[in-house]
């Protein structure tokens, strides 16, 4: 009986296809919008503030080191966390949402895209 493939040839072919299948695999990580938020810090000469913005959706794709991502934020949810509830907090949050800063009345959702760049 004539052998078409020997043991080493079969191992080589299996190794090749195993390597090929690993190259085609992409890991996808989705944002859990109910449990996630973006933390921000804003600094000025006289001090700084910090707070959060809620996610609407988002995901990161890792294709063996090539990172891609898309995130969508609800800009109406911007909140300052370092100030106590009161007139100063309301004033800052109103300014951040205004057309002078984030233009929240016109752009209620913002997108952030990540694209790979060559090293």
C-alpha atoms as a PDB file:
ATOM      1  CA  UNK A   1       0.000   0.000   0.000  1.00  0.00           C
ATOM      2  CA  UNK A   2       1.318   3.403  -0.939  1.00  0.00           C
ATOM      3  CA  UNK A   3       1.388   6.177   1.725  1.00  0.00           C
ATOM      4  CA  UNK A   4       0.328   9.612   0.532  1.00  0.00           C
ATOM      5  CA  UNK A   5       1.383  11.521   3.651  1.00  0.00           C
ATOM      6  CA  UNK A   6       3.827  10.502   6.340  1.00  0.00           C
ATOM      7  CA  UNK A   7       3.600  11.357  10.028  1.00  0.00           C
ATOM      8  CA  UNK A   8       5.853  14.422   9.775  1.00  0.00           C
ATOM      9  CA  UNK A   9       3.917  15.787   6.805  1.00  0.00           C
ATOM     10  CA  UNK A  10       0.613  15.474   8.711  1.00  0.00           C
ATOM     11  CA  UNK A  11       2.116  17.211  11.777  1.00  0.00           C
ATOM     12  CA  UNK A  12       3.443  19.974   9.503  1.00  0.00           C
ATOM     13  CA  UNK A  13       0.054  20.485   7.843  1.00  0.00           C
ATOM     14  CA  UNK A  14      -1.758  20.537  11.214  1.00  0.00           C
ATOM     15  CA  UNK A  15       0.773  23.031  12.583  1.00  0.00           C
ATOM     16  CA  UNK A  16       0.342  25.248   9.515  1.00  0.00           C
ATOM     17  CA  UNK A  17      -3.462  25.280   9.803  1.00  0.00           C
ATOM     18  CA  UNK A  18      -3.257  25.829  13.564  1.00  0.00           C
ATOM     19  CA  UNK A  19      -1.013  28.855  12.964  1.00  0.00           C
ATOM     20  CA  UNK A  20      -3.324  30.112  10.202  1.00  0.00           C
ATOM     21  CA  UNK A  21      -6.435  29.808  12.385  1.00  0.00           C
ATOM     22  CA  UNK A  22      -4.730  31.778  15.175  1.00  0.00           C
ATOM     23  CA  UNK A  23      -3.924  34.596  12.745  1.00  0.00           C
ATOM     24  CA  UNK A  24      -7.555  34.906  11.676  1.00  0.00           C
ATOM     25  CA  UNK A  25      -8.869  35.188  15.239  1.00  0.00           C
ATOM     26  CA  UNK A  26      -9.961  38.589  16.556  1.00  0.00           C
ATOM     27  CA  UNK A  27     -10.831  39.228  20.220  1.00  0.00           C
ATOM     28  CA  UNK A  28     -13.820  41.543  20.745  1.00  0.00           C
ATOM     29  CA  UNK A  29     -14.484  43.238  24.092  1.00  0.00           C
ATOM     30  CA  UNK A  30     -17.830  44.992  24.506  1.00  0.00           C
ATOM     31  CA  UNK A  31     -18.567  47.773  26.981  1.00  0.00           C
ATOM     32  CA  UNK A  32     -21.268  47.013  29.535  1.00  0.00           C
ATOM     33  CA  UNK A  33     -22.956  50.419  29.338  1.00  0.00           C
ATOM     34  CA  UNK A  34     -24.937  49.868  32.550  1.00  0.00           C
ATOM     35  CA  UNK A  35     -21.812  49.324  34.639  1.00  0.00           C
ATOM     36  CA  UNK A  36     -19.267  51.510  32.817  1.00  0.00           C
ATOM     37  CA  UNK A  37     -18.528  55.202  32.562  1.00  0.00           C
ATOM     38  CA  UNK A  38     -15.781  57.448  31.246  1.00  0.00           C
ATOM     39  CA  UNK A  39     -13.931  59.325  33.973  1.00  0.00           C
ATOM     40  CA  UNK A  40     -12.722  62.800  33.045  1.00  0.00           C
ATOM     41  CA  UNK A  41     -10.430  65.368  34.658  1.00  0.00           C
ATOM     42  CA  UNK A  42     -10.450  69.053  33.709  1.00  0.00           C
ATOM     43  CA  UNK A  43      -7.671  71.316  34.951  1.00  0.00           C
ATOM     44  CA  UNK A  44      -7.365  75.085  35.068  1.00  0.00           C
ATOM     45  CA  UNK A  45      -4.913  77.496  36.686  1.00  0.00           C
ATOM     46  CA  UNK A  46      -6.952  77.774  39.891  1.00  0.00           C
ATOM     47  CA  UNK A  47      -7.756  74.070  40.325  1.00  0.00           C
ATOM     48  CA  UNK A  48      -9.307  71.047  38.718  1.00  0.00           C
ATOM     49  CA  UNK A  49     -12.538  69.075  38.556  1.00  0.00           C
ATOM     50  CA  UNK A  50     -13.371  65.460  37.795  1.00  0.00           C
ATOM     51  CA  UNK A  51     -16.467  63.524  36.888  1.00  0.00           C
ATOM     52  CA  UNK A  52     -18.061  60.919  34.658  1.00  0.00           C
ATOM     53  CA  UNK A  53     -19.872  60.510  31.345  1.00  0.00           C
ATOM     54  CA  UNK A  54     -22.007  57.419  30.672  1.00  0.00           C
ATOM     55  CA  UNK A  55     -21.425  55.054  27.775  1.00  0.00           C
ATOM     56  CA  UNK A  56     -24.185  54.268  25.285  1.00  0.00           C
ATOM     57  CA  UNK A  57     -22.156  51.518  23.630  1.00  0.00           C
ATOM     58  CA  UNK A  58     -18.641  50.533  22.748  1.00  0.00           C
ATOM     59  CA  UNK A  59     -16.256  47.796  21.784  1.00  0.00           C
ATOM     60  CA  UNK A  60     -12.561  47.147  21.280  1.00  0.00           C
ATOM     61  CA  UNK A  61     -11.253  44.658  18.734  1.00  0.00           C
ATOM     62  CA  UNK A  62      -7.773  43.203  19.171  1.00  0.00           C
ATOM     63  CA  UNK A  63      -6.493  41.470  16.075  1.00  0.00           C
ATOM     64  CA  UNK A  64      -3.124  40.285  17.455  1.00  0.00           C
ATOM     65  CA  UNK A  65      -1.947  43.727  18.485  1.00  0.00           C
ATOM     66  CA  UNK A  66      -3.896  45.733  15.920  1.00  0.00           C
ATOM     67  CA  UNK A  67      -6.381  47.621  18.104  1.00  0.00           C
ATOM     68  CA  UNK A  68      -9.629  49.070  16.740  1.00  0.00           C
ATOM     69  CA  UNK A  69     -12.417  50.569  18.819  1.00  0.00           C
ATOM     70  CA  UNK A  70     -15.638  52.526  18.679  1.00  0.00           C
ATOM     71  CA  UNK A  71     -17.324  54.168  21.672  1.00  0.00           C
ATOM     72  CA  UNK A  72     -20.494  56.239  21.965  1.00  0.00           C
ATOM     73  CA  UNK A  73     -21.123  58.531  24.953  1.00  0.00           C
ATOM     74  CA  UNK A  74     -24.268  60.177  26.309  1.00  0.00           C
ATOM     75  CA  UNK A  75     -23.179  63.783  26.761  1.00  0.00           C
ATOM     76  CA  UNK A  76     -26.390  64.643  28.637  1.00  0.00           C
ATOM     77  CA  UNK A  77     -25.072  62.446  31.480  1.00  0.00           C
ATOM     78  CA  UNK A  78     -21.920  64.499  32.165  1.00  0.00           C
ATOM     79  CA  UNK A  79     -21.552  64.915  35.898  1.00  0.00           C
ATOM     80  CA  UNK A  80     -19.012  66.633  38.125  1.00  0.00           C
ATOM     81  CA  UNK A  81     -18.144  64.414  41.096  1.00  0.00           C
ATOM     82  CA  UNK A  82     -15.757  66.564  43.121  1.00  0.00           C
ATOM     83  CA  UNK A  83     -18.324  69.270  43.955  1.00  0.00           C
ATOM     84  CA  UNK A  84     -21.128  68.884  46.470  1.00  0.00           C
ATOM     85  CA  UNK A  85     -24.694  69.310  45.132  1.00  0.00           C
ATOM     86  CA  UNK A  86     -25.478  72.996  44.993  1.00  0.00           C
ATOM     87  CA  UNK A  87     -25.131  76.134  42.878  1.00  0.00           C
ATOM     88  CA  UNK A  88     -21.413  75.639  42.020  1.00  0.00           C
ATOM     89  CA  UNK A  89     -21.948  72.095  40.744  1.00  0.00           C
ATOM     90  CA  UNK A  90     -25.024  73.142  38.755  1.00  0.00           C
ATOM     91  CA  UNK A  91     -23.132  76.104  37.274  1.00  0.00           C
ATOM     92  CA  UNK A  92     -20.177  73.952  36.170  1.00  0.00           C
ATOM     93  CA  UNK A  93     -22.341  71.167  34.681  1.00  0.00           C
ATOM     94  CA  UNK A  94     -24.492  73.736  32.852  1.00  0.00           C
ATOM     95  CA  UNK A  95     -21.336  75.345  31.404  1.00  0.00           C
ATOM     96  CA  UNK A  96     -19.904  71.966  30.318  1.00  0.00           C
ATOM     97  CA  UNK A  97     -23.145  71.128  28.477  1.00  0.00           C
ATOM     98  CA  UNK A  98     -23.470  74.586  26.913  1.00  0.00           C
ATOM     99  CA  UNK A  99     -22.739  75.581  23.328  1.00  0.00           C
ATOM    100  CA  UNK A 100     -19.606  77.347  24.665  1.00  0.00           C
ATOM    101  CA  UNK A 101     -17.981  74.047  25.592  1.00  0.00           C
ATOM    102  CA  UNK A 102     -19.324  70.585  24.579  1.00  0.00           C
ATOM    103  CA  UNK A 103     -22.320  71.871  22.583  1.00  0.00           C
ATOM    104  CA  UNK A 104     -24.546  69.261  24.236  1.00  0.00           C
ATOM    105  CA  UNK A 105     -27.782  70.872  22.964  1.00  0.00           C
ATOM    106  CA  UNK A 106     -26.642  70.126  19.395  1.00  0.00           C
ATOM    107  CA  UNK A 107     -24.602  66.947  19.932  1.00  0.00           C
ATOM    108  CA  UNK A 108     -26.188  64.799  22.627  1.00  0.00           C
ATOM    109  CA  UNK A 109     -24.138  61.736  21.670  1.00  0.00           C
ATOM    110  CA  UNK A 110     -20.416  61.775  20.925  1.00  0.00           C
ATOM    111  CA  UNK A 111     -18.346  59.071  19.256  1.00  0.00           C
ATOM    112  CA  UNK A 112     -14.719  58.120  19.774  1.00  0.00           C
ATOM    113  CA  UNK A 113     -12.980  55.834  17.262  1.00  0.00           C
ATOM    114  CA  UNK A 114      -9.637  54.104  17.751  1.00  0.00           C
ATOM    115  CA  UNK A 115      -7.595  53.146  14.701  1.00  0.00           C
ATOM    116  CA  UNK A 116      -4.262  51.309  14.639  1.00  0.00           C
ATOM    117  CA  UNK A 117      -1.182  53.274  13.736  1.00  0.00           C
ATOM    118  CA  UNK A 118       2.169  51.930  12.545  1.00  0.00           C
ATOM    119  CA  UNK A 119       4.949  51.885  15.100  1.00  0.00           C
END
